[in-house]
Amino acid sequence: MKTASMPSLRVDPVLRKAAESVLREGESLSGFMEQSLRDEVNRRQQQREFIARGIASRDEAYRTGTYFEADAVHAELRGMLAKARKARR
């Protein structure tokens, strides 16, 4: 696959120094920047999908008139979390 260039990035010297200070062994600043960009793109895609699911859920609730009490949802989530923690042990 061909690669493409990103626009050059001008940053405050303090930010550059901070970024360089957290590089792992063998990691380049450009590699760090590429991974950071990938991570942020992924986070934003997940956020967009999360919001879309929430809106779809809201619309379904409006359409059907079926709603769930927050306490019941929280209890179910606590149960799922406890089960997952138990399985991890």
PDB file of N, CA and C in Angstrom:
ATOM      1  N   MET A   1       0.847  -1.169   0.000  1.00  0.00           N
ATOM      2  CA  MET A   1       0.000   0.000   0.000  1.00  0.00           C
ATOM      3  C   MET A   1       0.897   1.239   0.000  1.00  0.00           C
ATOM      4  N   LYS A   2       0.540   2.196  -0.814  1.00  0.00           N
ATOM      5  CA  LYS A   2       1.271   3.461  -0.825  1.00  0.00           C
ATOM      6  C   LYS A   2       0.981   4.233   0.454  1.00  0.00           C
ATOM      7  N   THR A   3       1.943   4.990   0.885  1.00  0.00           N
ATOM      8  CA  THR A   3       1.724   5.827   2.066  1.00  0.00           C
ATOM      9  C   THR A   3       1.461   7.259   1.635  1.00  0.00           C
ATOM     10  N   ALA A   4       0.899   8.008   2.522  1.00  0.00           N
ATOM     11  CA  ALA A   4       0.621   9.424   2.269  1.00  0.00           C
ATOM     12  C   ALA A   4       1.227  10.236   3.396  1.00  0.00           C
ATOM     13  N   SER A   5       1.558  11.462   3.107  1.00  0.00           N
ATOM     14  CA  SER A   5       2.124  12.355   4.124  1.00  0.00           C
ATOM     15  C   SER A   5       1.017  13.130   4.812  1.00  0.00           C
ATOM     16  N   MET A   6       1.274  13.433   6.067  1.00  0.00           N
ATOM     17  CA  MET A   6       0.382  14.308   6.825  1.00  0.00           C
ATOM     18  C   MET A   6       1.001  15.694   6.801  1.00  0.00           C
ATOM     19  N   PRO A   7       0.191  16.719   7.006  1.00  0.00           N
ATOM     20  CA  PRO A   7       0.750  18.075   7.074  1.00  0.00           C
ATOM     21  C   PRO A   7       1.748  18.165   8.229  1.00  0.00           C
ATOM     22  N   SER A   8       2.782  18.969   8.041  1.00  0.00           N
ATOM     23  CA  SER A   8       3.743  19.138   9.135  1.00  0.00           C
ATOM     24  C   SER A   8       3.023  19.800  10.315  1.00  0.00           C
ATOM     25  N   LEU A   9       3.519  19.537  11.478  1.00  0.00           N
ATOM     26  CA  LEU A   9       2.841  19.992  12.687  1.00  0.00           C
ATOM     27  C   LEU A   9       3.775  20.895  13.480  1.00  0.00           C
ATOM     28  N   ARG A  10       3.377  22.118  13.681  1.00  0.00           N
ATOM     29  CA  ARG A  10       4.168  23.047  14.470  1.00  0.00           C
ATOM     30  C   ARG A  10       3.583  23.055  15.886  1.00  0.00           C
ATOM     31  N   VAL A  11       4.454  22.837  16.855  1.00  0.00           N
ATOM     32  CA  VAL A  11       4.009  22.798  18.255  1.00  0.00           C
ATOM     33  C   VAL A  11       4.946  23.634  19.112  1.00  0.00           C
ATOM     34  N   ASP A  12       4.459  23.967  20.261  1.00  0.00           N
ATOM     35  CA  ASP A  12       5.248  24.666  21.259  1.00  0.00           C
ATOM     36  C   ASP A  12       6.435  23.768  21.655  1.00  0.00           C
ATOM     37  N   PRO A  13       7.612  24.342  21.837  1.00  0.00           N
ATOM     38  CA  PRO A  13       8.781  23.544  22.225  1.00  0.00           C
ATOM     39  C   PRO A  13       8.563  22.730  23.507  1.00  0.00           C
ATOM     40  N   VAL A  14       7.757  23.250  24.409  1.00  0.00           N
ATOM     41  CA  VAL A  14       7.479  22.526  25.659  1.00  0.00           C
ATOM     42  C   VAL A  14       6.716  21.230  25.359  1.00  0.00           C
ATOM     43  N   LEU A  15       5.751  21.305  24.441  1.00  0.00           N
ATOM     44  CA  LEU A  15       4.998  20.105  24.064  1.00  0.00           C
ATOM     45  C   LEU A  15       5.907  19.097  23.373  1.00  0.00           C
ATOM     46  N   ARG A  16       6.768  19.559  22.489  1.00  0.00           N
ATOM     47  CA  ARG A  16       7.693  18.639  21.817  1.00  0.00           C
ATOM     48  C   ARG A  16       8.585  17.935  22.837  1.00  0.00           C
ATOM     49  N   LYS A  17       9.114  18.692  23.785  1.00  0.00           N
ATOM     50  CA  LYS A  17       9.985  18.112  24.811  1.00  0.00           C
ATOM     51  C   LYS A  17       9.208  17.091  25.655  1.00  0.00           C
ATOM     52  N   ALA A  18       7.960  17.406  25.979  1.00  0.00           N
ATOM     53  CA  ALA A  18       7.130  16.482  26.754  1.00  0.00           C
ATOM     54  C   ALA A  18       6.888  15.194  25.959  1.00  0.00           C
ATOM     55  N   ALA A  19       6.610  15.337  24.669  1.00  0.00           N
ATOM     56  CA  ALA A  19       6.386  14.160  23.824  1.00  0.00           C
ATOM     57  C   ALA A  19       7.657  13.310  23.745  1.00  0.00           C
ATOM     58  N   GLU A  20       8.779  13.959  23.562  1.00  0.00           N
ATOM     59  CA  GLU A  20      10.046  13.226  23.489  1.00  0.00           C
ATOM     60  C   GLU A  20      10.362  12.521  24.804  1.00  0.00           C
ATOM     61  N   SER A  21       9.921  13.096  25.910  1.00  0.00           N
ATOM     62  CA  SER A  21      10.232  12.517  27.224  1.00  0.00           C
ATOM     63  C   SER A  21       9.471  11.221  27.494  1.00  0.00           C
ATOM     64  N   VAL A  22       8.410  10.960  26.740  1.00  0.00           N
ATOM     65  CA  VAL A  22       7.625   9.741  26.984  1.00  0.00           C
ATOM     66  C   VAL A  22       7.832   8.677  25.904  1.00  0.00           C
ATOM     67  N   LEU A  23       8.753   8.921  24.989  1.00  0.00           N
ATOM     68  CA  LEU A  23       9.015   7.927  23.948  1.00  0.00           C
ATOM     69  C   LEU A  23       9.556   6.647  24.578  1.00  0.00           C
ATOM     70  N   ARG A  24       9.118   5.534  24.047  1.00  0.00           N
ATOM     71  CA  ARG A  24       9.619   4.231  24.507  1.00  0.00           C
ATOM     72  C   ARG A  24      10.915   3.908  23.764  1.00  0.00           C
ATOM     73  N   GLU A  25      11.630   2.943  24.280  1.00  0.00           N
ATOM     74  CA  GLU A  25      12.891   2.556  23.660  1.00  0.00           C
ATOM     75  C   GLU A  25      12.663   2.163  22.194  1.00  0.00           C
ATOM     76  N   GLY A  26      13.434   2.775  21.321  1.00  0.00           N
ATOM     77  CA  GLY A  26      13.337   2.478  19.900  1.00  0.00           C
ATOM     78  C   GLY A  26      12.205   3.193  19.177  1.00  0.00           C
ATOM     79  N   GLU A  27      11.406   3.957  19.898  1.00  0.00           N
ATOM     80  CA  GLU A  27      10.265   4.661  19.290  1.00  0.00           C
ATOM     81  C   GLU A  27      10.709   6.039  18.809  1.00  0.00           C
ATOM     82  N   SER A  28      10.307   6.385  17.612  1.00  0.00           N
ATOM     83  CA  SER A  28      10.620   7.704  17.076  1.00  0.00           C
ATOM     84  C   SER A  28       9.476   8.664  17.372  1.00  0.00           C
ATOM     85  N   LEU A  29       9.772   9.935  17.294  1.00  0.00           N
ATOM     86  CA  LEU A  29       8.741  10.936  17.501  1.00  0.00           C
ATOM     87  C   LEU A  29       7.664  10.818  16.424  1.00  0.00           C
ATOM     88  N   SER A  30       8.067  10.571  15.185  1.00  0.00           N
ATOM     89  CA  SER A  30       7.066  10.423  14.120  1.00  0.00           C
ATOM     90  C   SER A  30       6.223   9.162  14.329  1.00  0.00           C
ATOM     91  N   GLY A  31       6.824   8.089  14.828  1.00  0.00           N
ATOM     92  CA  GLY A  31       6.061   6.879  15.135  1.00  0.00           C
ATOM     93  C   GLY A  31       5.064   7.115  16.250  1.00  0.00           C
ATOM     94  N   PHE A  32       5.500   7.865  17.261  1.00  0.00           N
ATOM     95  CA  PHE A  32       4.620   8.230  18.367  1.00  0.00           C
ATOM     96  C   PHE A  32       3.444   9.064  17.859  1.00  0.00           C
ATOM     97  N   MET A  33       3.740  10.025  16.998  1.00  0.00           N
ATOM     98  CA  MET A  33       2.690  10.884  16.451  1.00  0.00           C
ATOM     99  C   MET A  33       1.710  10.076  15.601  1.00  0.00           C
ATOM    100  N   GLU A  34       2.229   9.142  14.805  1.00  0.00           N
ATOM    101  CA  GLU A  34       1.342   8.314  13.980  1.00  0.00           C
ATOM    102  C   GLU A  34       0.430   7.465  14.855  1.00  0.00           C
ATOM    103  N   GLN A  35       0.996   6.848  15.893  1.00  0.00           N
ATOM    104  CA  GLN A  35       0.178   6.019  16.782  1.00  0.00           C
ATOM    105  C   GLN A  35      -0.851   6.866  17.521  1.00  0.00           C
ATOM    106  N   SER A  36      -0.460   8.056  17.936  1.00  0.00           N
ATOM    107  CA  SER A  36      -1.393   8.957  18.608  1.00  0.00           C
ATOM    108  C   SER A  36      -2.544   9.326  17.687  1.00  0.00           C
ATOM    109  N   LEU A  37      -2.236   9.581  16.430  1.00  0.00           N
ATOM    110  CA  LEU A  37      -3.270   9.905  15.451  1.00  0.00           C
ATOM    111  C   LEU A  37      -4.209   8.721  15.244  1.00  0.00           C
ATOM    112  N   ARG A  38      -3.634   7.524  15.112  1.00  0.00           N
ATOM    113  CA  ARG A  38      -4.469   6.317  14.964  1.00  0.00           C
ATOM    114  C   ARG A  38      -5.394   6.136  16.172  1.00  0.00           C
ATOM    115  N   ASP A  39      -4.823   6.305  17.364  1.00  0.00           N
ATOM    116  CA  ASP A  39      -5.616   6.146  18.588  1.00  0.00           C
ATOM    117  C   ASP A  39      -6.763   7.146  18.648  1.00  0.00           C
ATOM    118  N   GLU A  40      -6.494   8.386  18.282  1.00  0.00           N
ATOM    119  CA  GLU A  40      -7.532   9.420  18.343  1.00  0.00           C
ATOM    120  C   GLU A  40      -8.604   9.188  17.284  1.00  0.00           C
ATOM    121  N   VAL A  41      -8.203   8.769  16.087  1.00  0.00           N
ATOM    122  CA  VAL A  41      -9.183   8.442  15.045  1.00  0.00           C
ATOM    123  C   VAL A  41     -10.085   7.315  15.547  1.00  0.00           C
ATOM    124  N   ASN A  42      -9.492   6.277  16.130  1.00  0.00           N
ATOM    125  CA  ASN A  42     -10.265   5.149  16.661  1.00  0.00           C
ATOM    126  C   ASN A  42     -11.210   5.596  17.767  1.00  0.00           C
ATOM    127  N   ARG A  43     -10.714   6.449  18.688  1.00  0.00           N
ATOM    128  CA  ARG A  43     -11.550   6.938  19.795  1.00  0.00           C
ATOM    129  C   ARG A  43     -12.738   7.715  19.262  1.00  0.00           C
ATOM    130  N   ARG A  44     -12.505   8.552  18.275  1.00  0.00           N
ATOM    131  CA  ARG A  44     -13.601   9.346  17.724  1.00  0.00           C
ATOM    132  C   ARG A  44     -14.599   8.494  16.956  1.00  0.00           C
ATOM    133  N   GLN A  45     -14.121   7.466  16.275  1.00  0.00           N
ATOM    134  CA  GLN A  45     -15.039   6.559  15.589  1.00  0.00           C
ATOM    135  C   GLN A  45     -15.911   5.823  16.599  1.00  0.00           C
ATOM    136  N   GLN A  46     -15.291   5.333  17.673  1.00  0.00           N
ATOM    137  CA  GLN A  46     -16.054   4.648  18.719  1.00  0.00           C
ATOM    138  C   GLN A  46     -17.047   5.595  19.375  1.00  0.00           C
ATOM    139  N   GLN A  47     -16.642   6.819  19.603  1.00  0.00           N
ATOM    140  CA  GLN A  47     -17.539   7.807  20.205  1.00  0.00           C
ATOM    141  C   GLN A  47     -18.732   8.072  19.285  1.00  0.00           C
ATOM    142  N   ARG A  48     -18.477   8.208  17.993  1.00  0.00           N
ATOM    143  CA  ARG A  48     -19.557   8.452  17.027  1.00  0.00           C
ATOM    144  C   ARG A  48     -20.539   7.268  17.021  1.00  0.00           C
ATOM    145  N   GLU A  49     -19.998   6.048  17.041  1.00  0.00           N
ATOM    146  CA  GLU A  49     -20.849   4.862  17.054  1.00  0.00           C
ATOM    147  C   GLU A  49     -21.657   4.768  18.349  1.00  0.00           C
ATOM    148  N   PHE A  50     -21.031   5.112  19.474  1.00  0.00           N
ATOM    149  CA  PHE A  50     -21.711   5.100  20.767  1.00  0.00           C
ATOM    150  C   PHE A  50     -22.891   6.070  20.765  1.00  0.00           C
ATOM    151  N   ILE A  51     -22.646   7.270  20.256  1.00  0.00           N
ATOM    152  CA  ILE A  51     -23.716   8.276  20.193  1.00  0.00           C
ATOM    153  C   ILE A  51     -24.828   7.808  19.259  1.00  0.00           C
ATOM    154  N   ALA A  52     -24.457   7.217  18.130  1.00  0.00           N
ATOM    155  CA  ALA A  52     -25.472   6.721  17.181  1.00  0.00           C
ATOM    156  C   ALA A  52     -26.328   5.633  17.830  1.00  0.00           C
ATOM    157  N   ARG A  53     -25.694   4.734  18.602  1.00  0.00           N
ATOM    158  CA  ARG A  53     -26.469   3.693  19.295  1.00  0.00           C
ATOM    159  C   ARG A  53     -27.399   4.310  20.329  1.00  0.00           C
ATOM    160  N   GLY A  54     -26.915   5.332  21.039  1.00  0.00           N
ATOM    161  CA  GLY A  54     -27.747   6.000  22.036  1.00  0.00           C
ATOM    162  C   GLY A  54     -28.951   6.678  21.405  1.00  0.00           C
ATOM    163  N   ILE A  55     -28.732   7.349  20.286  1.00  0.00           N
ATOM    164  CA  ILE A  55     -29.836   8.009  19.589  1.00  0.00           C
ATOM    165  C   ILE A  55     -30.824   6.981  19.062  1.00  0.00           C
ATOM    166  N   ALA A  56     -30.313   5.874  18.516  1.00  0.00           N
ATOM    167  CA  ALA A  56     -31.202   4.814  18.013  1.00  0.00           C
ATOM    168  C   ALA A  56     -32.019   4.216  19.158  1.00  0.00           C
ATOM    169  N   SER A  57     -31.382   4.039  20.313  1.00  0.00           N
ATOM    170  CA  SER A  57     -32.078   3.508  21.481  1.00  0.00           C
ATOM    171  C   SER A  57     -33.162   4.473  21.949  1.00  0.00           C
ATOM    172  N   ARG A  58     -32.835   5.745  21.977  1.00  0.00           N
ATOM    173  CA  ARG A  58     -33.820   6.763  22.353  1.00  0.00           C
ATOM    174  C   ARG A  58     -35.012   6.741  21.395  1.00  0.00           C
ATOM    175  N   ASP A  59     -34.712   6.697  20.111  1.00  0.00           N
ATOM    176  CA  ASP A  59     -35.779   6.674  19.116  1.00  0.00           C
ATOM    177  C   ASP A  59     -36.653   5.434  19.249  1.00  0.00           C
ATOM    178  N   GLU A  60     -36.025   4.298  19.558  1.00  0.00           N
ATOM    179  CA  GLU A  60     -36.776   3.052  19.747  1.00  0.00           C
ATOM    180  C   GLU A  60     -37.673   3.166  20.974  1.00  0.00           C
ATOM    181  N   ALA A  61     -37.164   3.785  22.027  1.00  0.00           N
ATOM    182  CA  ALA A  61     -37.981   3.979  23.231  1.00  0.00           C
ATOM    183  C   ALA A  61     -39.173   4.883  22.927  1.00  0.00           C
ATOM    184  N   TYR A  62     -38.938   5.963  22.188  1.00  0.00           N
ATOM    185  CA  TYR A  62     -40.050   6.834  21.787  1.00  0.00           C
ATOM    186  C   TYR A  62     -41.084   6.051  20.980  1.00  0.00           C
ATOM    187  N   ARG A  63     -40.574   5.251  20.039  1.00  0.00           N
ATOM    188  CA  ARG A  63     -41.461   4.515  19.132  1.00  0.00           C
ATOM    189  C   ARG A  63     -42.306   3.479  19.871  1.00  0.00           C
ATOM    190  N   THR A  64     -41.661   2.738  20.788  1.00  0.00           N
ATOM    191  CA  THR A  64     -42.355   1.637  21.464  1.00  0.00           C
ATOM    192  C   THR A  64     -43.001   2.045  22.782  1.00  0.00           C
ATOM    193  N   GLY A  65     -42.524   3.144  23.369  1.00  0.00           N
ATOM    194  CA  GLY A  65     -43.012   3.543  24.686  1.00  0.00           C
ATOM    195  C   GLY A  65     -42.423   2.696  25.796  1.00  0.00           C
ATOM    196  N   THR A  66     -41.409   1.891  25.491  1.00  0.00           N
ATOM    197  CA  THR A  66     -40.769   1.023  26.479  1.00  0.00           C
ATOM    198  C   THR A  66     -39.531   1.717  27.042  1.00  0.00           C
ATOM    199  N   TYR A  67     -39.567   1.959  28.347  1.00  0.00           N
ATOM    200  CA  TYR A  67     -38.458   2.610  29.026  1.00  0.00           C
ATOM    201  C   TYR A  67     -38.028   1.735  30.191  1.00  0.00           C
ATOM    202  N   PHE A  68     -36.812   1.956  30.675  1.00  0.00           N
ATOM    203  CA  PHE A  68     -36.291   1.190  31.798  1.00  0.00           C
ATOM    204  C   PHE A  68     -35.844   2.149  32.890  1.00  0.00           C
ATOM    205  N   GLU A  69     -36.121   1.776  34.127  1.00  0.00           N
ATOM    206  CA  GLU A  69     -35.716   2.599  35.265  1.00  0.00           C
ATOM    207  C   GLU A  69     -34.198   2.564  35.402  1.00  0.00           C
ATOM    208  N   ALA A  70     -33.621   3.708  35.723  1.00  0.00           N
ATOM    209  CA  ALA A  70     -32.165   3.805  35.864  1.00  0.00           C
ATOM    210  C   ALA A  70     -31.645   2.821  36.913  1.00  0.00           C
ATOM    211  N   ASP A  71     -32.356   2.670  38.036  1.00  0.00           N
ATOM    212  CA  ASP A  71     -31.902   1.749  39.087  1.00  0.00           C
ATOM    213  C   ASP A  71     -31.828   0.316  38.574  1.00  0.00           C
ATOM    214  N   ALA A  72     -32.785  -0.078  37.755  1.00  0.00           N
ATOM    215  CA  ALA A  72     -32.782  -1.437  37.206  1.00  0.00           C
ATOM    216  C   ALA A  72     -31.617  -1.629  36.243  1.00  0.00           C
ATOM    217  N   VAL A  73     -31.350  -0.627  35.430  1.00  0.00           N
ATOM    218  CA  VAL A  73     -30.229  -0.705  34.484  1.00  0.00           C
ATOM    219  C   VAL A  73     -28.911  -0.759  35.248  1.00  0.00           C
ATOM    220  N   HIS A  74     -28.776   0.081  36.269  1.00  0.00           N
ATOM    221  CA  HIS A  74     -27.547   0.083  37.066  1.00  0.00           C
ATOM    222  C   HIS A  74     -27.336  -1.262  37.757  1.00  0.00           C
ATOM    223  N   ALA A  75     -28.402  -1.843  38.273  1.00  0.00           N
ATOM    224  CA  ALA A  75     -28.297  -3.147  38.937  1.00  0.00           C
ATOM    225  C   ALA A  75     -27.848  -4.211  37.939  1.00  0.00           C
ATOM    226  N   GLU A  76     -28.401  -4.184  36.748  1.00  0.00           N
ATOM    227  CA  GLU A  76     -28.001  -5.160  35.736  1.00  0.00           C
ATOM    228  C   GLU A  76     -26.530  -4.969  35.349  1.00  0.00           C
ATOM    229  N   LEU A  77     -26.108  -3.729  35.205  1.00  0.00           N
ATOM    230  CA  LEU A  77     -24.704  -3.465  34.871  1.00  0.00           C
ATOM    231  C   LEU A  77     -23.769  -3.910  35.992  1.00  0.00           C
ATOM    232  N   ARG A  78     -24.173  -3.673  37.250  1.00  0.00           N
ATOM    233  CA  ARG A  78     -23.354  -4.136  38.377  1.00  0.00           C
ATOM    234  C   ARG A  78     -23.229  -5.655  38.353  1.00  0.00           C
ATOM    235  N   GLY A  79     -24.311  -6.341  38.031  1.00  0.00           N
ATOM    236  CA  GLY A  79     -24.280  -7.798  37.938  1.00  0.00           C
ATOM    237  C   GLY A  79     -23.360  -8.273  36.827  1.00  0.00           C
ATOM    238  N   MET A  80     -23.417  -7.611  35.682  1.00  0.00           N
ATOM    239  CA  MET A  80     -22.533  -7.964  34.563  1.00  0.00           C
ATOM    240  C   MET A  80     -21.068  -7.742  34.934  1.00  0.00           C
ATOM    241  N   LEU A  81     -20.793  -6.649  35.636  1.00  0.00           N
ATOM    242  CA  LEU A  81     -19.433  -6.351  36.053  1.00  0.00           C
ATOM    243  C   LEU A  81     -18.930  -7.383  37.057  1.00  0.00           C
ATOM    244  N   ALA A  82     -19.764  -7.736  38.024  1.00  0.00           N
ATOM    245  CA  ALA A  82     -19.378  -8.745  39.021  1.00  0.00           C
ATOM    246  C   ALA A  82     -19.097 -10.080  38.346  1.00  0.00           C
ATOM    247  N   LYS A  83     -19.912 -10.462  37.391  1.00  0.00           N
ATOM    248  CA  LYS A  83     -19.728 -11.717  36.663  1.00  0.00           C
ATOM    249  C   LYS A  83     -18.414 -11.707  35.883  1.00  0.00           C
ATOM    250  N   ALA A  84     -18.126 -10.587  35.230  1.00  0.00           N
ATOM    251  CA  ALA A  84     -16.888 -10.465  34.447  1.00  0.00           C
ATOM    252  C   ALA A  84     -15.670 -10.521  35.369  1.00  0.00           C
ATOM    253  N   ARG A  85     -15.765  -9.864  36.525  1.00  0.00           N
ATOM    254  CA  ARG A  85     -14.646  -9.882  37.471  1.00  0.00           C
ATOM    255  C   ARG A  85     -14.408 -11.296  38.009  1.00  0.00           C
ATOM    256  N   LYS A  86     -15.495 -11.991  38.286  1.00  0.00           N
ATOM    257  CA  LYS A  86     -15.393 -13.354  38.796  1.00  0.00           C
ATOM    258  C   LYS A  86     -14.757 -14.265  37.743  1.00  0.00           C
ATOM    259  N   ALA A  87     -15.146 -14.112  36.492  1.00  0.00           N
ATOM    260  CA  ALA A  87     -14.606 -14.940  35.401  1.00  0.00           C
ATOM    261  C   ALA A  87     -13.126 -14.660  35.185  1.00  0.00           C
ATOM    262  N   ARG A  88     -12.699 -13.435  35.475  1.00  0.00           N
ATOM    263  CA  ARG A  88     -11.300 -13.049  35.290  1.00  0.00           C
ATOM    264  C   ARG A  88     -10.387 -13.691  36.326  1.00  0.00           C
ATOM    265  N   ARG A  89     -10.930 -14.020  37.459  1.00  0.00           N
ATOM    266  CA  ARG A  89     -10.109 -14.597  38.556  1.00  0.00           C
ATOM    267  C   ARG A  89      -9.819 -16.040  38.328  1.00  0.00           C
TER     268      ARG A  89
END
